[in-house]
N, C-alpha and C. Protein backbone atom coordinates (compact mmCIF):
# COMPACT_ATOMS: atom_id res chain seq x y z
N UNK A 1 108.43 143.55 153.55
CA UNK A 1 107.05 143.96 153.60
C UNK A 1 106.86 145.31 152.94
N UNK A 2 107.90 146.13 152.96
CA UNK A 2 107.78 147.44 152.31
C UNK A 2 107.42 147.29 150.83
N UNK A 3 108.06 146.35 150.14
CA UNK A 3 107.80 146.16 148.72
C UNK A 3 106.38 145.65 148.48
N UNK A 4 105.93 144.73 149.30
CA UNK A 4 104.58 144.17 149.15
C UNK A 4 103.55 145.27 149.40
N UNK A 5 103.75 146.02 150.46
CA UNK A 5 102.81 147.11 150.77
C UNK A 5 102.80 148.14 149.63
N UNK A 6 103.97 148.46 149.13
CA UNK A 6 104.05 149.43 148.02
C UNK A 6 103.35 148.88 146.78
N UNK A 7 103.53 147.59 146.50
CA UNK A 7 102.87 146.98 145.37
C UNK A 7 101.35 147.09 145.50
N UNK A 8 100.86 146.94 146.72
CA UNK A 8 99.42 147.06 147.00
C UNK A 8 98.98 148.51 147.14
N UNK A 9 99.95 149.42 147.04
CA UNK A 9 99.70 150.85 147.18
C UNK A 9 99.11 151.20 148.54
N UNK A 10 99.70 150.56 149.57
CA UNK A 10 99.27 150.79 150.95
C UNK A 10 100.47 151.14 151.81
N UNK A 11 100.21 151.86 152.85
CA UNK A 11 101.22 152.13 153.87
C UNK A 11 101.57 150.79 154.53
N UNK A 12 102.85 150.58 154.84
CA UNK A 12 103.31 149.31 155.42
C UNK A 12 102.57 148.96 156.70
N UNK A 13 102.39 149.92 157.59
CA UNK A 13 101.71 149.67 158.86
C UNK A 13 100.25 149.30 158.62
N UNK A 14 99.59 150.03 157.73
CA UNK A 14 98.19 149.74 157.41
C UNK A 14 98.07 148.35 156.78
N UNK A 15 98.98 148.05 155.84
CA UNK A 15 98.98 146.74 155.20
C UNK A 15 99.12 145.63 156.24
N UNK A 16 100.08 145.77 157.14
CA UNK A 16 100.30 144.74 158.18
C UNK A 16 99.09 144.58 159.07
N UNK A 17 98.47 145.69 159.44
CA UNK A 17 97.29 145.64 160.30
C UNK A 17 96.14 144.92 159.60
N UNK A 18 95.87 145.28 158.35
CA UNK A 18 94.79 144.65 157.60
C UNK A 18 95.08 143.17 157.35
N UNK A 19 96.33 142.85 157.07
CA UNK A 19 96.71 141.46 156.84
C UNK A 19 96.43 140.63 158.09
N UNK A 20 96.83 141.16 159.24
CA UNK A 20 96.61 140.43 160.50
C UNK A 20 95.13 140.27 160.80
N UNK A 21 94.33 141.28 160.52
CA UNK A 21 92.89 141.18 160.74
C UNK A 21 92.29 140.04 159.91
N UNK A 22 92.77 139.88 158.70
CA UNK A 22 92.18 138.88 157.79
C UNK A 22 92.82 137.49 157.94
N UNK A 23 94.09 137.44 158.22
CA UNK A 23 94.80 136.15 158.28
C UNK A 23 95.02 135.64 159.70
N UNK A 24 94.91 136.52 160.69
CA UNK A 24 95.12 136.10 162.06
C UNK A 24 96.58 136.05 162.48
N UNK A 25 97.45 136.53 161.62
CA UNK A 25 98.88 136.59 161.94
C UNK A 25 99.51 137.71 161.13
N UNK A 26 100.70 138.11 161.51
CA UNK A 26 101.38 139.16 160.77
C UNK A 26 101.90 138.61 159.45
N UNK A 27 102.22 139.47 158.49
CA UNK A 27 102.79 138.97 157.23
C UNK A 27 104.07 138.17 157.46
N UNK A 28 104.90 138.61 158.40
CA UNK A 28 106.14 137.89 158.68
C UNK A 28 105.85 136.49 159.22
N UNK A 29 104.89 136.40 160.14
CA UNK A 29 104.51 135.09 160.69
C UNK A 29 103.96 134.18 159.59
N UNK A 30 103.19 134.75 158.69
CA UNK A 30 102.62 133.98 157.58
C UNK A 30 103.73 133.42 156.69
N UNK A 31 104.71 134.26 156.37
CA UNK A 31 105.82 133.83 155.52
C UNK A 31 106.62 132.72 156.21
N UNK A 32 106.90 132.88 157.48
CA UNK A 32 107.65 131.86 158.23
C UNK A 32 106.87 130.55 158.23
N UNK A 33 105.57 130.63 158.50
CA UNK A 33 104.74 129.42 158.52
C UNK A 33 104.75 128.73 157.15
N UNK A 34 104.66 129.50 156.08
CA UNK A 34 104.69 128.92 154.73
C UNK A 34 106.04 128.27 154.44
N UNK A 35 107.12 128.94 154.80
CA UNK A 35 108.45 128.37 154.58
C UNK A 35 108.62 127.06 155.33
N UNK A 36 108.17 127.03 156.59
CA UNK A 36 108.33 125.82 157.39
C UNK A 36 107.41 124.71 156.92
N UNK A 37 106.24 125.05 156.43
CA UNK A 37 105.34 124.05 155.86
C UNK A 37 105.97 123.44 154.61
N UNK A 38 106.56 124.29 153.78
CA UNK A 38 107.26 123.80 152.59
C UNK A 38 108.43 122.91 152.98
N UNK A 39 109.16 123.31 154.00
CA UNK A 39 110.30 122.53 154.46
C UNK A 39 109.85 121.16 154.94
N UNK A 40 108.78 121.11 155.70
CA UNK A 40 108.27 119.83 156.20
C UNK A 40 107.88 118.92 155.03
N UNK A 41 107.26 119.48 154.02
CA UNK A 41 106.89 118.68 152.85
C UNK A 41 108.13 118.14 152.14
N UNK A 42 109.15 118.97 152.00
CA UNK A 42 110.40 118.50 151.38
C UNK A 42 111.07 117.43 152.23
N UNK A 43 111.08 117.61 153.53
CA UNK A 43 111.67 116.61 154.42
C UNK A 43 110.90 115.29 154.33
N UNK A 44 109.60 115.37 154.22
CA UNK A 44 108.76 114.18 154.18
C UNK A 44 108.87 113.43 152.86
N UNK A 45 108.98 114.17 151.77
CA UNK A 45 108.85 113.54 150.46
C UNK A 45 110.14 113.42 149.66
N UNK A 46 111.25 113.93 150.19
CA UNK A 46 112.53 113.83 149.48
C UNK A 46 113.60 113.33 150.44
N UNK A 47 114.75 113.04 149.86
CA UNK A 47 115.90 112.67 150.69
C UNK A 47 116.95 113.78 150.69
N UNK A 48 116.53 114.98 150.33
CA UNK A 48 117.46 116.12 150.34
C UNK A 48 118.06 116.30 151.72
N UNK A 49 119.34 116.64 151.80
CA UNK A 49 119.93 116.96 153.10
C UNK A 49 119.22 118.18 153.72
N UNK A 50 119.20 118.24 155.04
CA UNK A 50 118.53 119.34 155.75
C UNK A 50 119.07 120.68 155.28
N UNK A 51 120.36 120.77 155.04
CA UNK A 51 120.96 122.02 154.56
C UNK A 51 120.32 122.47 153.24
N UNK A 52 120.09 121.54 152.33
CA UNK A 52 119.47 121.88 151.05
C UNK A 52 118.00 122.25 151.21
N UNK A 53 117.30 121.57 152.10
CA UNK A 53 115.91 121.92 152.38
C UNK A 53 115.84 123.34 152.92
N UNK A 54 116.72 123.64 153.87
CA UNK A 54 116.75 124.99 154.45
C UNK A 54 116.99 126.03 153.36
N UNK A 55 117.95 125.78 152.51
CA UNK A 55 118.29 126.71 151.44
C UNK A 55 117.11 126.90 150.48
N UNK A 56 116.46 125.83 150.09
CA UNK A 56 115.32 125.92 149.17
C UNK A 56 114.15 126.68 149.77
N UNK A 57 114.07 126.71 151.09
CA UNK A 57 112.96 127.39 151.76
C UNK A 57 113.33 128.79 152.23
N UNK A 58 114.49 129.27 151.78
CA UNK A 58 114.86 130.65 152.05
C UNK A 58 115.70 130.88 153.29
N UNK A 59 116.19 129.80 153.89
CA UNK A 59 117.04 129.92 155.08
C UNK A 59 118.48 129.66 154.66
N UNK A 60 119.30 130.68 154.71
CA UNK A 60 120.70 130.52 154.34
C UNK A 60 121.54 129.98 155.50
N UNK A 61 121.02 130.06 156.70
CA UNK A 61 121.72 129.58 157.89
C UNK A 61 121.00 128.33 158.40
N UNK A 62 121.66 127.17 158.30
CA UNK A 62 121.03 125.91 158.69
C UNK A 62 120.70 125.87 160.18
N UNK A 63 121.53 126.46 161.02
CA UNK A 63 121.26 126.47 162.45
C UNK A 63 119.99 127.28 162.74
N UNK A 64 119.86 128.44 162.14
CA UNK A 64 118.66 129.25 162.32
C UNK A 64 117.42 128.49 161.83
N UNK A 65 117.54 127.83 160.67
CA UNK A 65 116.44 127.02 160.15
C UNK A 65 116.05 125.93 161.15
N UNK A 66 117.03 125.22 161.65
CA UNK A 66 116.75 124.12 162.59
C UNK A 66 116.07 124.64 163.85
N UNK A 67 116.48 125.80 164.33
CA UNK A 67 115.86 126.38 165.52
C UNK A 67 114.41 126.79 165.23
N UNK A 68 114.18 127.42 164.09
CA UNK A 68 112.82 127.84 163.71
C UNK A 68 111.93 126.61 163.50
N UNK A 69 112.47 125.58 162.85
CA UNK A 69 111.70 124.36 162.60
C UNK A 69 111.32 123.69 163.92
N UNK A 70 112.28 123.60 164.82
CA UNK A 70 112.02 122.97 166.11
C UNK A 70 110.97 123.76 166.92
N UNK A 71 111.07 125.07 166.86
CA UNK A 71 110.10 125.90 167.58
C UNK A 71 108.69 125.68 167.03
N UNK A 72 108.55 125.54 165.72
CA UNK A 72 107.25 125.40 165.09
C UNK A 72 106.69 123.97 165.21
N UNK A 73 107.55 122.96 164.99
CA UNK A 73 107.09 121.58 164.97
C UNK A 73 107.40 120.79 166.24
N UNK A 74 108.23 121.34 167.11
CA UNK A 74 108.53 120.65 168.36
C UNK A 74 109.63 119.62 168.26
N UNK A 75 110.20 119.46 167.07
CA UNK A 75 111.28 118.51 166.84
C UNK A 75 112.29 119.11 165.88
N UNK A 76 113.56 118.74 165.99
CA UNK A 76 114.51 119.19 164.98
C UNK A 76 114.19 118.53 163.63
N UNK A 77 114.61 119.12 162.53
CA UNK A 77 114.25 118.61 161.20
C UNK A 77 114.58 117.13 160.98
N UNK A 78 115.75 116.69 161.38
CA UNK A 78 116.12 115.28 161.16
C UNK A 78 115.20 114.33 161.92
N UNK A 79 114.90 114.67 163.16
CA UNK A 79 114.01 113.83 163.97
C UNK A 79 112.59 113.86 163.40
N UNK A 80 112.14 115.04 162.98
CA UNK A 80 110.81 115.15 162.39
C UNK A 80 110.72 114.28 161.15
N UNK A 81 111.77 114.32 160.32
CA UNK A 81 111.81 113.50 159.10
C UNK A 81 111.74 112.02 159.46
N UNK A 82 112.50 111.62 160.44
CA UNK A 82 112.52 110.21 160.85
C UNK A 82 111.13 109.75 161.26
N UNK A 83 110.42 110.59 161.97
CA UNK A 83 109.09 110.22 162.47
C UNK A 83 107.98 110.37 161.43
N UNK A 84 108.20 111.19 160.41
CA UNK A 84 107.13 111.50 159.46
C UNK A 84 107.41 111.12 158.01
N UNK A 85 108.53 110.50 157.77
CA UNK A 85 108.91 110.16 156.40
C UNK A 85 107.94 109.14 155.82
N UNK A 86 107.60 109.36 154.55
CA UNK A 86 106.74 108.40 153.85
C UNK A 86 107.46 107.06 153.78
N UNK A 87 106.74 106.01 154.04
CA UNK A 87 107.30 104.67 153.94
C UNK A 87 107.32 104.26 152.48
N UNK A 88 108.48 103.88 152.00
CA UNK A 88 108.63 103.44 150.60
C UNK A 88 108.58 101.92 150.58
N UNK A 89 107.62 101.34 149.84
CA UNK A 89 107.50 99.88 149.77
C UNK A 89 108.14 99.35 148.52
């Protein structure tokens, strides 16, 4: 966040406060939500292994990714994929 705030020429605390006022969440929460949304799309539309999905979404630790995914979606990635995978005809 320091780099983003500096790019915007704002103090980090001020940037975070203004971001939360406008987005309803902190910058960190926003980034996590975006990463997990991207992960869900990859799980739904590809057959990539969960480890590769995690890596593509910025999670180098698959266990941490699985825990974050489960917390956000209520299911582990493999189970979520099973329930939400596009049906191929």
